PDB file of N, CA and C in Angstrom:
ATOM      1  N   MET A   1      97.375 110.361  89.244  1.00  0.00           N
ATOM      2  CA  MET A   1      97.087 109.066  88.453  1.00  0.00           C
ATOM      3  C   MET A   1      98.110 107.672  88.737  1.00  0.00           C
ATOM      4  N   THR A   2      97.274 106.697  88.932  1.00  0.00           N
ATOM      5  CA  THR A   2      97.722 105.429  89.471  1.00  0.00           C
ATOM      6  C   THR A   2      98.316 104.863  88.550  1.00  0.00           C
ATOM      7  N   GLN A   3      99.603 104.534  89.069  1.00  0.00           N
ATOM      8  CA  GLN A   3     100.267 103.523  87.797  1.00  0.00           C
ATOM      9  C   GLN A   3     100.080 101.846  87.577  1.00  0.00           C
ATOM     10  N   ARG A   4      99.918 101.650  86.208  1.00  0.00           N
ATOM     11  CA  ARG A   4      98.929  99.931  86.405  1.00  0.00           C
ATOM     12  C   ARG A   4     100.307  99.262  85.711  1.00  0.00           C
ATOM     13  N   THR A   5     100.507  98.253  86.549  1.00  0.00           N
ATOM     14  CA  THR A   5     101.652  97.304  86.193  1.00  0.00           C
ATOM     15  C   THR A   5     100.497  96.272  85.653  1.00  0.00           C
ATOM     16  N   CYS A   6     101.372  95.189  85.174  1.00  0.00           N
ATOM     17  CA  CYS A   6     101.180  93.736  84.329  1.00  0.00           C
ATOM     18  C   CYS A   6     101.338  92.798  85.699  1.00  0.00           C
ATOM     19  N   ALA A   7      99.906  92.401  85.498  1.00  0.00           N
ATOM     20  CA  ALA A   7      99.645  91.154  86.959  1.00  0.00           C
ATOM     21  C   ALA A   7     100.198  89.955  86.696  1.00  0.00           C
ATOM     22  N   ALA A   8     101.097  89.597  85.728  1.00  0.00           N
ATOM     23  CA  ALA A   8     102.092  88.676  85.510  1.00  0.00           C
ATOM     24  C   ALA A   8     103.368  88.815  85.488  1.00  0.00           C
ATOM     25  N   CYS A   9     104.061  89.766  85.128  1.00  0.00           N
ATOM     26  CA  CYS A   9     105.536  89.682  84.674  1.00  0.00           C
ATOM     27  C   CYS A   9     106.563  90.312  86.722  1.00  0.00           C
ATOM     28  N   ALA A  10     107.485  89.556  86.230  1.00  0.00           N
ATOM     29  CA  ALA A  10     108.356  89.821  87.803  1.00  0.00           C
ATOM     30  C   ALA A  10     108.762  90.876  87.429  1.00  0.00           C
ATOM     31  N   CYS A  11     108.501  91.569  86.401  1.00  0.00           N
ATOM     32  CA  CYS A  11     109.491  93.286  86.649  1.00  0.00           C
ATOM     33  C   CYS A  11     108.459  93.845  86.487  1.00  0.00           C
ATOM     34  N   ASP A  12     107.494  94.283  86.661  1.00  0.00           N
ATOM     35  CA  ASP A  12     106.332  94.964  87.017  1.00  0.00           C
ATOM     36  C   ASP A  12     106.048  95.730  85.812  1.00  0.00           C
ATOM     37  N   CYS A  13     105.626  95.417  84.421  1.00  0.00           N
ATOM     38  CA  CYS A  13     105.682  96.060  83.450  1.00  0.00           C
ATOM     39  C   CYS A  13     104.604  97.231  83.243  1.00  0.00           C
ATOM     40  N   GLU A  14     104.645  98.060  82.444  1.00  0.00           N
ATOM     41  CA  GLU A  14     103.422  99.135  82.737  1.00  0.00           C
ATOM     42  C   GLU A  14     102.463  99.161  81.886  1.00  0.00           C
ATOM     43  N   LEU A  15     101.528  98.968  81.723  1.00  0.00           N
ATOM     44  CA  LEU A  15     100.105  99.071  80.758  1.00  0.00           C
ATOM     45  C   LEU A  15      99.868  99.918  80.287  1.00  0.00           C
ATOM     46  N   ASP A  16      99.944  99.755  78.934  1.00  0.00           N
ATOM     47  CA  ASP A  16      99.688 100.979  78.204  1.00  0.00           C
ATOM     48  C   ASP A  16      98.184 100.484  77.700  1.00  0.00           C
ATOM     49  N   ALA A  17      97.433 101.137  76.319  1.00  0.00           N
ATOM     50  CA  ALA A  17      96.217 100.727  75.819  1.00  0.00           C
ATOM     51  C   ALA A  17      95.704  99.128  75.128  1.00  0.00           C
ATOM     52  N   GLN A  18      97.386  98.721  75.209  1.00  0.00           N
ATOM     53  CA  GLN A  18      97.093  97.571  74.372  1.00  0.00           C
ATOM     54  C   GLN A  18      97.067  96.121  75.720  1.00  0.00           C
ATOM     55  N   SER A  19      96.937  96.565  77.013  1.00  0.00           N
ATOM     56  CA  SER A  19      96.795  95.733  77.627  1.00  0.00           C
ATOM     57  C   SER A  19      95.989  94.494  77.658  1.00  0.00           C
ATOM     58  N   ILE A  20      96.203  93.720  77.997  1.00  0.00           N
ATOM     59  CA  ILE A  20      94.940  92.423  77.920  1.00  0.00           C
ATOM     60  C   ILE A  20      94.275  91.993  78.879  1.00  0.00           C
ATOM     61  N   LYS A  21      92.649  91.477  79.234  1.00  0.00           N
ATOM     62  CA  LYS A  21      92.088  91.622  80.256  1.00  0.00           C
ATOM     63  C   LYS A  21      91.765  90.188  79.911  1.00  0.00           C
ATOM     64  N   VAL A  22      91.901  89.778  81.680  1.00  0.00           N
ATOM     65  CA  VAL A  22      91.981  88.169  81.739  1.00  0.00           C
ATOM     66  C   VAL A  22      90.969  88.270  83.113  1.00  0.00           C
ATOM     67  N   LYS A  23      90.163  86.798  82.593  1.00  0.00           N
ATOM     68  CA  LYS A  23      89.490  86.726  84.148  1.00  0.00           C
ATOM     69  C   LYS A  23      89.859  85.474  84.565  1.00  0.00           C
ATOM     70  N   LEU A  24      89.931  85.689  85.675  1.00  0.00           N
ATOM     71  CA  LEU A  24      90.702  84.431  87.164  1.00  0.00           C
ATOM     72  C   LEU A  24      89.760  84.512  87.755  1.00  0.00           C
ATOM     73  N   GLY A  25      88.915  84.019  88.029  1.00  0.00           N
ATOM     74  CA  GLY A  25      88.376  82.953  89.877  1.00  0.00           C
ATOM     75  C   GLY A  25      87.481  84.235  89.795  1.00  0.00           C
ATOM     76  N   GLY A  26      86.482  85.205  88.677  1.00  0.00           N
ATOM     77  CA  GLY A  26      85.855  85.982  88.533  1.00  0.00           C
ATOM     78  C   GLY A  26      86.244  87.473  89.229  1.00  0.00           C
ATOM     79  N   LYS A  27      87.267  87.379  88.772  1.00  0.00           N
ATOM     80  CA  LYS A  27      87.866  88.881  88.976  1.00  0.00           C
ATOM     81  C   LYS A  27      89.059  89.027  87.474  1.00  0.00           C
ATOM     82  N   THR A  28      89.004  90.806  87.250  1.00  0.00           N
ATOM     83  CA  THR A  28      89.708  90.379  85.806  1.00  0.00           C
ATOM     84  C   THR A  28      90.493  91.041  86.157  1.00  0.00           C
ATOM     85  N   VAL A  29      92.511  90.691  85.723  1.00  0.00           N
ATOM     86  CA  VAL A  29      93.175  90.985  85.754  1.00  0.00           C
ATOM     87  C   VAL A  29      93.849  92.263  83.794  1.00  0.00           C
ATOM     88  N   GLU A  30      94.131  92.669  84.119  1.00  0.00           N
ATOM     89  CA  GLU A  30      94.888  93.102  82.967  1.00  0.00           C
ATOM     90  C   GLU A  30      96.740  92.554  83.241  1.00  0.00           C
ATOM     91  N   VAL A  31      96.952  92.414  81.932  1.00  0.00           N
ATOM     92  CA  VAL A  31      98.992  91.903  81.791  1.00  0.00           C
ATOM     93  C   VAL A  31      98.966  92.548  80.234  1.00  0.00           C
ATOM     94  N   CYS A  32     100.374  92.777  80.623  1.00  0.00           N
ATOM     95  CA  CYS A  32     101.106  93.543  79.241  1.00  0.00           C
ATOM     96  C   CYS A  32     101.300  92.862  77.725  1.00  0.00           C
ATOM     97  N   CYS A  33     101.030  91.415  77.933  1.00  0.00           N
ATOM     98  CA  CYS A  33     101.090  90.986  76.591  1.00  0.00           C
ATOM     99  C   CYS A  33     100.244  89.293  76.985  1.00  0.00           C
ATOM    100  N   GLU A  34     100.571  88.870  75.461  1.00  0.00           N
ATOM    101  CA  GLU A  34      99.929  87.598  75.434  1.00  0.00           C
ATOM    102  C   GLU A  34     100.466  86.020  75.931  1.00  0.00           C
ATOM    103  N   GLU A  35     101.781  86.499  76.357  1.00  0.00           N
ATOM    104  CA  GLU A  35     102.609  85.622  76.620  1.00  0.00           C
ATOM    105  C   GLU A  35     101.987  85.549  78.009  1.00  0.00           C
ATOM    106  N   CYS A  36     102.238  86.827  78.969  1.00  0.00           N
ATOM    107  CA  CYS A  36     101.598  86.661  80.480  1.00  0.00           C
ATOM    108  C   CYS A  36     100.046  86.383  80.241  1.00  0.00           C
ATOM    109  N   ALA A  37      99.433  86.685  79.253  1.00  0.00           N
ATOM    110  CA  ALA A  37      97.882  85.850  79.329  1.00  0.00           C
ATOM    111  C   ALA A  37      97.402  84.721  79.999  1.00  0.00           C
ATOM    112  N   GLN A  38      98.492  84.115  79.352  1.00  0.00           N
ATOM    113  CA  GLN A  38      98.528  82.461  78.864  1.00  0.00           C
ATOM    114  C   GLN A  38      99.119  81.857  80.008  1.00  0.00           C
ATOM    115  N   ALA A  39     100.394  82.528  80.577  1.00  0.00           N
ATOM    116  CA  ALA A  39     100.745  81.750  81.880  1.00  0.00           C
ATOM    117  C   ALA A  39      99.815  82.321  83.050  1.00  0.00           C
ATOM    118  N   LEU A  40      99.117  83.371  83.095  1.00  0.00           N
ATOM    119  CA  LEU A  40      98.065  83.202  84.239  1.00  0.00           C
ATOM    120  C   LEU A  40      96.750  81.618  83.577  1.00  0.00           C
ATOM    121  N   LYS A  41      96.403  81.582  82.526  1.00  0.00           N
ATOM    122  CA  LYS A  41      95.763  80.949  82.830  1.00  0.00           C
ATOM    123  C   LYS A  41      96.175  79.817  82.686  1.00  0.00           C
ATOM    124  N   GLU A  42      96.859  79.335  82.713  1.00  0.00           N
ATOM    125  CA  GLU A  42      97.576  78.184  82.969  1.00  0.00           C
ATOM    126  C   GLU A  42      97.595  77.752  84.595  1.00  0.00           C
ATOM    127  N   ALA A  43      98.120  78.857  84.732  1.00  0.00           N
ATOM    128  CA  ALA A  43      98.287  78.973  86.190  1.00  0.00           C
ATOM    129  C   ALA A  43      96.582  78.518  87.336  1.00  0.00           C
ATOM    130  N   ASP A  44      95.777  79.314  86.740  1.00  0.00           N
ATOM    131  CA  ASP A  44      94.644  79.448  87.480  1.00  0.00           C
ATOM    132  C   ASP A  44      93.973  77.988  86.748  1.00  0.00           C
ATOM    133  N   SER A  45      94.150  77.364  86.074  1.00  0.00           N
ATOM    134  CA  SER A  45      93.897  76.009  85.803  1.00  0.00           C
ATOM    135  C   SER A  45      94.529  74.889  86.436  1.00  0.00           C
ATOM    136  N   ALA A  46      95.903  75.272  86.594  1.00  0.00           N
ATOM    137  CA  ALA A  46      96.805  74.042  87.673  1.00  0.00           C
ATOM    138  C   ALA A  46      96.086  74.330  89.292  1.00  0.00           C
ATOM    139  N   MET A  47      95.749  75.564  89.820  1.00  0.00           N
ATOM    140  CA  MET A  47      95.129  75.510  90.661  1.00  0.00           C
ATOM    141  C   MET A  47      93.977  75.140  90.591  1.00  0.00           C
ATOM    142  N   ALA A  48      92.707  75.051  89.795  1.00  0.00           N
ATOM    143  CA  ALA A  48      91.165  74.754  89.754  1.00  0.00           C
ATOM    144  C   ALA A  48      91.636  73.238  90.111  1.00  0.00           C
ATOM    145  N   ALA A  49      92.660  72.793  89.657  1.00  0.00           N
ATOM    146  CA  ALA A  49      92.707  71.340  89.060  1.00  0.00           C
ATOM    147  C   ALA A  49      93.148  70.831  90.340  1.00  0.00           C
ATOM    148  N   ARG A  50      93.871  71.227  91.486  1.00  0.00           N
ATOM    149  CA  ARG A  50      94.072  70.593  92.587  1.00  0.00           C
ATOM    150  C   ARG A  50      92.998  70.260  94.064  1.00  0.00           C
ATOM    151  N   PRO A  51      92.815  69.554  94.821  1.00  0.00           N
ATOM    152  CA  PRO A  51      91.901  69.114  95.496  1.00  0.00           C
ATOM    153  C   PRO A  51      92.499  70.563  96.546  1.00  0.00           C
ATOM    154  N   HIS A  52      91.090  70.485  97.057  1.00  0.00           N
ATOM    155  CA  HIS A  52      90.880  71.390  98.019  1.00  0.00           C
ATOM    156  C   HIS A  52      91.930  71.137  99.081  1.00  0.00           C
ATOM    157  N   GLY A  53      92.395  72.164  99.546  1.00  0.00           N
ATOM    158  CA  GLY A  53      93.653  71.780 100.851  1.00  0.00           C
ATOM    159  C   GLY A  53      94.700  71.544 100.601  1.00  0.00           C
ATOM    160  N   GLU A  54      95.001  71.373  98.955  1.00  0.00           N
ATOM    161  CA  GLU A  54      96.742  70.832  98.833  1.00  0.00           C
ATOM    162  C   GLU A  54      97.157  72.345  98.864  1.00  0.00           C
ATOM    163  N   SER A  55      98.624  72.506  99.072  1.00  0.00           N
ATOM    164  CA  SER A  55      99.501  73.727  98.854  1.00  0.00           C
ATOM    165  C   SER A  55     100.396  73.502  97.927  1.00  0.00           C
TER     166      SER A  55
END
């Protein structure tokens, strides 16, 4: 069985039945908690607000 880990945590927390699905750029990722979900949503919004070509 493949181990599933949080897409946002630096510590690669294992996901369980309470994982939260977050849709980003047409893809769905899973995170371990609401704080990680919010962090990914904020990062995605910031990336979308940047003009194309900026790093």
